Amino acid sequence: MKLYNTIMSYFWLAVATVTFISVTYLCITEGFEKYVSNYVFSIIALATFFVKRWMMKRMGNHTQFMKDQSNNSEA
């Protein structure tokens, strides 16, 4: 599951990067006011990357806490 979460985390980073580059290209070639609203998709994908990373770290800490609790109750 950790591999899947890591892959999906970097997938969202890739989506944010590709979206940002595409929208920037379209803004330059066809007009800024026409495509500026599409930057929100890049922001959402970047936010998803950071939330995914934060939740993975939080889950790792919680798993370690649960292992520590289990070891303390056995002793």
PDB file of N, CA and C in Angstrom:
ATOM      1  N   MET A   1       0.824  -1.191   0.000  1.00  0.00           N
ATOM      2  CA  MET A   1       0.000   0.000   0.000  1.00  0.00           C
ATOM      3  C   MET A   1       0.871   1.260   0.000  1.00  0.00           C
ATOM      4  N   LYS A   2       2.040   1.158   0.658  1.00  0.00           N
ATOM      5  CA  LYS A   2       2.918   2.316   0.707  1.00  0.00           C
ATOM      6  C   LYS A   2       3.413   2.682  -0.688  1.00  0.00           C
ATOM      7  N   LEU A   3       3.710   1.682  -1.516  1.00  0.00           N
ATOM      8  CA  LEU A   3       4.160   1.947  -2.884  1.00  0.00           C
ATOM      9  C   LEU A   3       3.062   2.637  -3.685  1.00  0.00           C
ATOM     10  N   TYR A   4       1.839   2.163  -3.538  1.00  0.00           N
ATOM     11  CA  TYR A   4       0.702   2.784  -4.228  1.00  0.00           C
ATOM     12  C   TYR A   4       0.543   4.246  -3.815  1.00  0.00           C
ATOM     13  N   ASN A   5       0.621   4.513  -2.514  1.00  0.00           N
ATOM     14  CA  ASN A   5       0.478   5.881  -2.031  1.00  0.00           C
ATOM     15  C   ASN A   5       1.591   6.782  -2.546  1.00  0.00           C
ATOM     16  N   THR A   6       2.802   6.262  -2.611  1.00  0.00           N
ATOM     17  CA  THR A   6       3.921   7.043  -3.130  1.00  0.00           C
ATOM     18  C   THR A   6       3.731   7.344  -4.610  1.00  0.00           C
ATOM     19  N   ILE A   7       3.320   6.332  -5.368  1.00  0.00           N
ATOM     20  CA  ILE A   7       3.086   6.540  -6.801  1.00  0.00           C
ATOM     21  C   ILE A   7       1.985   7.566  -7.025  1.00  0.00           C
ATOM     22  N   MET A   8       0.896   7.466  -6.287  1.00  0.00           N
ATOM     23  CA  MET A   8      -0.208   8.408  -6.461  1.00  0.00           C
ATOM     24  C   MET A   8       0.177   9.823  -6.030  1.00  0.00           C
ATOM     25  N   SER A   9       1.024   9.924  -5.034  1.00  0.00           N
ATOM     26  CA  SER A   9       1.489  11.228  -4.605  1.00  0.00           C
ATOM     27  C   SER A   9       2.248  11.927  -5.731  1.00  0.00           C
ATOM     28  N   TYR A  10       3.173  11.192  -6.339  1.00  0.00           N
ATOM     29  CA  TYR A  10       3.939  11.785  -7.438  1.00  0.00           C
ATOM     30  C   TYR A  10       3.110  11.929  -8.711  1.00  0.00           C
ATOM     31  N   PHE A  11       2.056  11.131  -8.852  1.00  0.00           N
ATOM     32  CA  PHE A  11       1.127  11.317  -9.966  1.00  0.00           C
ATOM     33  C   PHE A  11       0.474  12.695  -9.884  1.00  0.00           C
ATOM     34  N   TRP A  12       0.037  13.079  -8.675  1.00  0.00           N
ATOM     35  CA  TRP A  12      -0.602  14.387  -8.521  1.00  0.00           C
ATOM     36  C   TRP A  12       0.381  15.522  -8.743  1.00  0.00           C
ATOM     37  N   LEU A  13       1.644  15.312  -8.363  1.00  0.00           N
ATOM     38  CA  LEU A  13       2.659  16.316  -8.643  1.00  0.00           C
ATOM     39  C   LEU A  13       2.874  16.454 -10.145  1.00  0.00           C
ATOM     40  N   ALA A  14       2.883  15.341 -10.860  1.00  0.00           N
ATOM     41  CA  ALA A  14       3.033  15.372 -12.310  1.00  0.00           C
ATOM     42  C   ALA A  14       1.836  16.048 -12.979  1.00  0.00           C
ATOM     43  N   VAL A  15       0.639  15.751 -12.499  1.00  0.00           N
ATOM     44  CA  VAL A  15      -0.567  16.372 -13.048  1.00  0.00           C
ATOM     45  C   VAL A  15      -0.517  17.891 -12.836  1.00  0.00           C
ATOM     46  N   ALA A  16      -0.095  18.311 -11.659  1.00  0.00           N
ATOM     47  CA  ALA A  16       0.005  19.749 -11.379  1.00  0.00           C
ATOM     48  C   ALA A  16       1.012  20.416 -12.306  1.00  0.00           C
ATOM     49  N   THR A  17       2.142  19.763 -12.524  1.00  0.00           N
ATOM     50  CA  THR A  17       3.179  20.335 -13.384  1.00  0.00           C
ATOM     51  C   THR A  17       2.724  20.422 -14.838  1.00  0.00           C
ATOM     52  N   VAL A  18       2.162  19.332 -15.352  1.00  0.00           N
ATOM     53  CA  VAL A  18       1.704  19.318 -16.744  1.00  0.00           C
ATOM     54  C   VAL A  18       0.571  20.324 -16.948  1.00  0.00           C
ATOM     55  N   THR A  19      -0.342  20.401 -16.006  1.00  0.00           N
ATOM     56  CA  THR A  19      -1.447  21.345 -16.110  1.00  0.00           C
ATOM     57  C   THR A  19      -0.939  22.783 -16.088  1.00  0.00           C
ATOM     58  N   PHE A  20      -0.008  23.083 -15.200  1.00  0.00           N
ATOM     59  CA  PHE A  20       0.535  24.428 -15.115  1.00  0.00           C
ATOM     60  C   PHE A  20       1.239  24.820 -16.420  1.00  0.00           C
ATOM     61  N   ILE A  21       2.048  23.923 -16.962  1.00  0.00           N
ATOM     62  CA  ILE A  21       2.760  24.215 -18.207  1.00  0.00           C
ATOM     63  C   ILE A  21       1.783  24.375 -19.365  1.00  0.00           C
ATOM     64  N   SER A  22       0.778  23.513 -19.443  1.00  0.00           N
ATOM     65  CA  SER A  22      -0.206  23.595 -20.527  1.00  0.00           C
ATOM     66  C   SER A  22      -1.005  24.884 -20.473  1.00  0.00           C
ATOM     67  N   VAL A  23      -1.462  25.234 -19.296  1.00  0.00           N
ATOM     68  CA  VAL A  23      -2.262  26.455 -19.154  1.00  0.00           C
ATOM     69  C   VAL A  23      -1.399  27.690 -19.435  1.00  0.00           C
ATOM     70  N   THR A  24      -0.167  27.672 -18.985  1.00  0.00           N
ATOM     71  CA  THR A  24       0.725  28.796 -19.263  1.00  0.00           C
ATOM     72  C   THR A  24       0.953  28.941 -20.764  1.00  0.00           C
ATOM     73  N   TYR A  25       1.175  27.834 -21.450  1.00  0.00           N
ATOM     74  CA  TYR A  25       1.349  27.872 -22.902  1.00  0.00           C
ATOM     75  C   TYR A  25       0.103  28.436 -23.586  1.00  0.00           C
ATOM     76  N   LEU A  26      -1.067  27.953 -23.174  1.00  0.00           N
ATOM     77  CA  LEU A  26      -2.308  28.451 -23.772  1.00  0.00           C
ATOM     78  C   LEU A  26      -2.523  29.931 -23.477  1.00  0.00           C
ATOM     79  N   CYS A  27      -2.152  30.360 -22.283  1.00  0.00           N
ATOM     80  CA  CYS A  27      -2.290  31.775 -21.935  1.00  0.00           C
ATOM     81  C   CYS A  27      -1.398  32.644 -22.813  1.00  0.00           C
ATOM     82  N   ILE A  28      -0.200  32.176 -23.074  1.00  0.00           N
ATOM     83  CA  ILE A  28       0.735  32.954 -23.891  1.00  0.00           C
ATOM     84  C   ILE A  28       0.292  32.980 -25.354  1.00  0.00           C
ATOM     85  N   THR A  29      -0.163  31.845 -25.871  1.00  0.00           N
ATOM     86  CA  THR A  29      -0.488  31.773 -27.293  1.00  0.00           C
ATOM     87  C   THR A  29      -1.877  32.299 -27.641  1.00  0.00           C
ATOM     88  N   GLU A  30      -2.846  32.099 -26.767  1.00  0.00           N
ATOM     89  CA  GLU A  30      -4.220  32.440 -27.135  1.00  0.00           C
ATOM     90  C   GLU A  30      -4.866  33.533 -26.290  1.00  0.00           C
ATOM     91  N   GLY A  31      -4.178  33.995 -25.287  1.00  0.00           N
ATOM     92  CA  GLY A  31      -4.744  35.086 -24.496  1.00  0.00           C
ATOM     93  C   GLY A  31      -4.896  34.716 -23.036  1.00  0.00           C
ATOM     94  N   PHE A  32      -4.359  35.570 -22.214  1.00  0.00           N
ATOM     95  CA  PHE A  32      -4.328  35.312 -20.785  1.00  0.00           C
ATOM     96  C   PHE A  32      -5.722  35.264 -20.174  1.00  0.00           C
ATOM     97  N   GLU A  33      -6.573  36.205 -20.544  1.00  0.00           N
ATOM     98  CA  GLU A  33      -7.896  36.284 -19.919  1.00  0.00           C
ATOM     99  C   GLU A  33      -8.790  35.102 -20.275  1.00  0.00           C
ATOM    100  N   LYS A  34      -8.473  34.411 -21.359  1.00  0.00           N
ATOM    101  CA  LYS A  34      -9.297  33.282 -21.790  1.00  0.00           C
ATOM    102  C   LYS A  34      -9.029  32.019 -20.960  1.00  0.00           C
ATOM    103  N   TYR A  35      -7.782  31.828 -20.521  1.00  0.00           N
ATOM    104  CA  TYR A  35      -7.407  30.576 -19.856  1.00  0.00           C
ATOM    105  C   TYR A  35      -6.943  30.729 -18.412  1.00  0.00           C
ATOM    106  N   VAL A  36      -6.938  31.928 -17.877  1.00  0.00           N
ATOM    107  CA  VAL A  36      -6.410  32.135 -16.520  1.00  0.00           C
ATOM    108  C   VAL A  36      -7.197  31.352 -15.470  1.00  0.00           C
ATOM    109  N   SER A  37      -8.458  31.118 -15.695  1.00  0.00           N
ATOM    110  CA  SER A  37      -9.264  30.391 -14.712  1.00  0.00           C
ATOM    111  C   SER A  37      -8.876  28.911 -14.617  1.00  0.00           C
ATOM    112  N   ASN A  38      -8.175  28.403 -15.606  1.00  0.00           N
ATOM    113  CA  ASN A  38      -7.783  26.992 -15.576  1.00  0.00           C
ATOM    114  C   ASN A  38      -6.587  26.729 -14.656  1.00  0.00           C
ATOM    115  N   TYR A  39      -5.963  27.766 -14.137  1.00  0.00           N
ATOM    116  CA  TYR A  39      -4.886  27.560 -13.166  1.00  0.00           C
ATOM    117  C   TYR A  39      -5.408  26.905 -11.884  1.00  0.00           C
ATOM    118  N   VAL A  40      -6.695  26.996 -11.646  1.00  0.00           N
ATOM    119  CA  VAL A  40      -7.270  26.395 -10.446  1.00  0.00           C
ATOM    120  C   VAL A  40      -7.062  24.876 -10.444  1.00  0.00           C
ATOM    121  N   PHE A  41      -7.036  24.244 -11.610  1.00  0.00           N
ATOM    122  CA  PHE A  41      -6.816  22.798 -11.681  1.00  0.00           C
ATOM    123  C   PHE A  41      -5.403  22.433 -11.246  1.00  0.00           C
ATOM    124  N   SER A  42      -4.464  23.261 -11.619  1.00  0.00           N
ATOM    125  CA  SER A  42      -3.085  23.044 -11.190  1.00  0.00           C
ATOM    126  C   SER A  42      -2.951  23.225  -9.679  1.00  0.00           C
ATOM    127  N   ILE A  43      -3.616  24.210  -9.151  1.00  0.00           N
ATOM    128  CA  ILE A  43      -3.575  24.471  -7.704  1.00  0.00           C
ATOM    129  C   ILE A  43      -4.216  23.310  -6.938  1.00  0.00           C
ATOM    130  N   ILE A  44      -5.324  22.797  -7.446  1.00  0.00           N
ATOM    131  CA  ILE A  44      -6.005  21.678  -6.787  1.00  0.00           C
ATOM    132  C   ILE A  44      -5.122  20.430  -6.807  1.00  0.00           C
ATOM    133  N   ALA A  45      -4.481  20.150  -7.936  1.00  0.00           N
ATOM    134  CA  ALA A  45      -3.606  18.983  -8.025  1.00  0.00           C
ATOM    135  C   ALA A  45      -2.401  19.128  -7.101  1.00  0.00           C
ATOM    136  N   LEU A  46      -1.845  20.320  -7.000  1.00  0.00           N
ATOM    137  CA  LEU A  46      -0.719  20.558  -6.101  1.00  0.00           C
ATOM    138  C   LEU A  46      -1.155  20.416  -4.643  1.00  0.00           C
ATOM    139  N   ALA A  47      -2.341  20.922  -4.327  1.00  0.00           N
ATOM    140  CA  ALA A  47      -2.866  20.772  -2.969  1.00  0.00           C
ATOM    141  C   ALA A  47      -3.097  19.293  -2.643  1.00  0.00           C
ATOM    142  N   THR A  48      -3.571  18.526  -3.613  1.00  0.00           N
ATOM    143  CA  THR A  48      -3.777  17.101  -3.411  1.00  0.00           C
ATOM    144  C   THR A  48      -2.455  16.398  -3.126  1.00  0.00           C
ATOM    145  N   PHE A  49      -1.386  16.796  -3.826  1.00  0.00           N
ATOM    146  CA  PHE A  49      -0.060  16.232  -3.579  1.00  0.00           C
ATOM    147  C   PHE A  49       0.372  16.476  -2.137  1.00  0.00           C
ATOM    148  N   PHE A  50       0.230  17.721  -1.664  1.00  0.00           N
ATOM    149  CA  PHE A  50       0.675  18.040  -0.308  1.00  0.00           C
ATOM    150  C   PHE A  50      -0.198  17.387   0.758  1.00  0.00           C
ATOM    151  N   VAL A  51      -1.496  17.320   0.529  1.00  0.00           N
ATOM    152  CA  VAL A  51      -2.386  16.656   1.490  1.00  0.00           C
ATOM    153  C   VAL A  51      -2.081  15.161   1.532  1.00  0.00           C
ATOM    154  N   LYS A  52      -1.831  14.566   0.387  1.00  0.00           N
ATOM    155  CA  LYS A  52      -1.488  13.142   0.331  1.00  0.00           C
ATOM    156  C   LYS A  52      -0.197  12.868   1.092  1.00  0.00           C
ATOM    157  N   ARG A  53       0.795  13.727   0.903  1.00  0.00           N
ATOM    158  CA  ARG A  53       2.076  13.557   1.600  1.00  0.00           C
ATOM    159  C   ARG A  53       1.904  13.729   3.103  1.00  0.00           C
ATOM    160  N   TRP A  54       1.121  14.721   3.510  1.00  0.00           N
ATOM    161  CA  TRP A  54       0.871  14.961   4.931  1.00  0.00           C
ATOM    162  C   TRP A  54       0.143  13.778   5.559  1.00  0.00           C
ATOM    163  N   MET A  55      -0.852  13.252   4.863  1.00  0.00           N
ATOM    164  CA  MET A  55      -1.611  12.118   5.397  1.00  0.00           C
ATOM    165  C   MET A  55      -0.756  10.845   5.457  1.00  0.00           C
ATOM    166  N   MET A  56       0.140  10.646   4.499  1.00  0.00           N
ATOM    167  CA  MET A  56       1.023   9.486   4.547  1.00  0.00           C
ATOM    168  C   MET A  56       1.941   9.563   5.762  1.00  0.00           C
ATOM    169  N   LYS A  57       2.462  10.748   6.043  1.00  0.00           N
ATOM    170  CA  LYS A  57       3.334  10.912   7.210  1.00  0.00           C
ATOM    171  C   LYS A  57       2.531  10.715   8.499  1.00  0.00           C
ATOM    172  N   ARG A  58       1.337  11.263   8.530  1.00  0.00           N
ATOM    173  CA  ARG A  58       0.480  11.131   9.705  1.00  0.00           C
ATOM    174  C   ARG A  58       0.116   9.666   9.959  1.00  0.00           C
ATOM    175  N   MET A  59      -0.186   8.937   8.887  1.00  0.00           N
ATOM    176  CA  MET A  59      -0.534   7.527   9.031  1.00  0.00           C
ATOM    177  C   MET A  59       0.666   6.713   9.494  1.00  0.00           C
ATOM    178  N   GLY A  60       1.857   7.050   9.008  1.00  0.00           N
ATOM    179  CA  GLY A  60       3.072   6.376   9.458  1.00  0.00           C
ATOM    180  C   GLY A  60       3.307   6.587  10.941  1.00  0.00           C
ATOM    181  N   ASN A  61       3.109   7.821  11.398  1.00  0.00           N
ATOM    182  CA  ASN A  61       3.256   8.109  12.826  1.00  0.00           C
ATOM    183  C   ASN A  61       2.215   7.358  13.657  1.00  0.00           C
ATOM    184  N   HIS A  62       0.995   7.286  13.156  1.00  0.00           N
ATOM    185  CA  HIS A  62      -0.065   6.589  13.881  1.00  0.00           C
ATOM    186  C   HIS A  62       0.224   5.079  13.946  1.00  0.00           C
ATOM    187  N   THR A  63       0.708   4.520  12.856  1.00  0.00           N
ATOM    188  CA  THR A  63       1.063   3.097  12.838  1.00  0.00           C
ATOM    189  C   THR A  63       2.167   2.811  13.845  1.00  0.00           C
ATOM    190  N   GLN A  64       3.162   3.678  13.912  1.00  0.00           N
ATOM    191  CA  GLN A  64       4.243   3.507  14.883  1.00  0.00           C
ATOM    192  C   GLN A  64       3.715   3.617  16.305  1.00  0.00           C
ATOM    193  N   PHE A  65       2.808   4.555  16.538  1.00  0.00           N
ATOM    194  CA  PHE A  65       2.197   4.714  17.855  1.00  0.00           C
ATOM    195  C   PHE A  65       1.434   3.455  18.254  1.00  0.00           C
ATOM    196  N   MET A  66       0.673   2.895  17.315  1.00  0.00           N
ATOM    197  CA  MET A  66      -0.076   1.679  17.600  1.00  0.00           C
ATOM    198  C   MET A  66       0.845   0.506  17.913  1.00  0.00           C
ATOM    199  N   LYS A  67       1.987   0.396  17.197  1.00  0.00           N
ATOM    200  CA  LYS A  67       2.952  -0.656  17.488  1.00  0.00           C
ATOM    201  C   LYS A  67       3.549  -0.467  18.879  1.00  0.00           C
ATOM    202  N   ASP A  68       3.855   0.775  19.233  1.00  0.00           N
ATOM    203  CA  ASP A  68       4.401   1.064  20.567  1.00  0.00           C
ATOM    204  C   ASP A  68       3.388   0.722  21.651  1.00  0.00           C
ATOM    205  N   GLN A  69       2.130   1.051  21.441  1.00  0.00           N
ATOM    206  CA  GLN A  69       1.076   0.748  22.402  1.00  0.00           C
ATOM    207  C   GLN A  69       0.945  -0.763  22.560  1.00  0.00           C
ATOM    208  N   SER A  70       1.018  -1.473  21.447  1.00  0.00           N
ATOM    209  CA  SER A  70       0.899  -2.938  21.487  1.00  0.00           C
ATOM    210  C   SER A  70       2.061  -3.555  22.241  1.00  0.00           C
ATOM    211  N   ASN A  71       3.256  -3.028  22.012  1.00  0.00           N
ATOM    212  CA  ASN A  71       4.435  -3.553  22.722  1.00  0.00           C
ATOM    213  C   ASN A  71       4.372  -3.230  24.206  1.00  0.00           C
ATOM    214  N   ASN A  72       3.870  -2.077  24.583  1.00  0.00           N
ATOM    215  CA  ASN A  72       3.767  -1.700  25.993  1.00  0.00           C
ATOM    216  C   ASN A  72       2.726  -2.530  26.731  1.00  0.00           C
ATOM    217  N   SER A  73       1.652  -2.908  26.063  1.00  0.00           N
ATOM    218  CA  SER A  73       0.599  -3.683  26.732  1.00  0.00           C
ATOM    219  C   SER A  73       1.037  -5.139  26.918  1.00  0.00           C
ATOM    220  N   GLU A  74       1.935  -5.633  26.072  1.00  0.00           N
ATOM    221  CA  GLU A  74       2.417  -7.002  26.219  1.00  0.00           C
ATOM    222  C   GLU A  74       3.420  -7.130  27.362  1.00  0.00           C
ATOM    223  N   ALA A  75       4.131  -6.072  27.659  1.00  0.00           N
ATOM    224  CA  ALA A  75       5.189  -6.153  28.688  1.00  0.00           C
ATOM    225  C   ALA A  75       4.657  -6.064  30.082  1.00  0.00           C
TER     226      ALA A  75
END
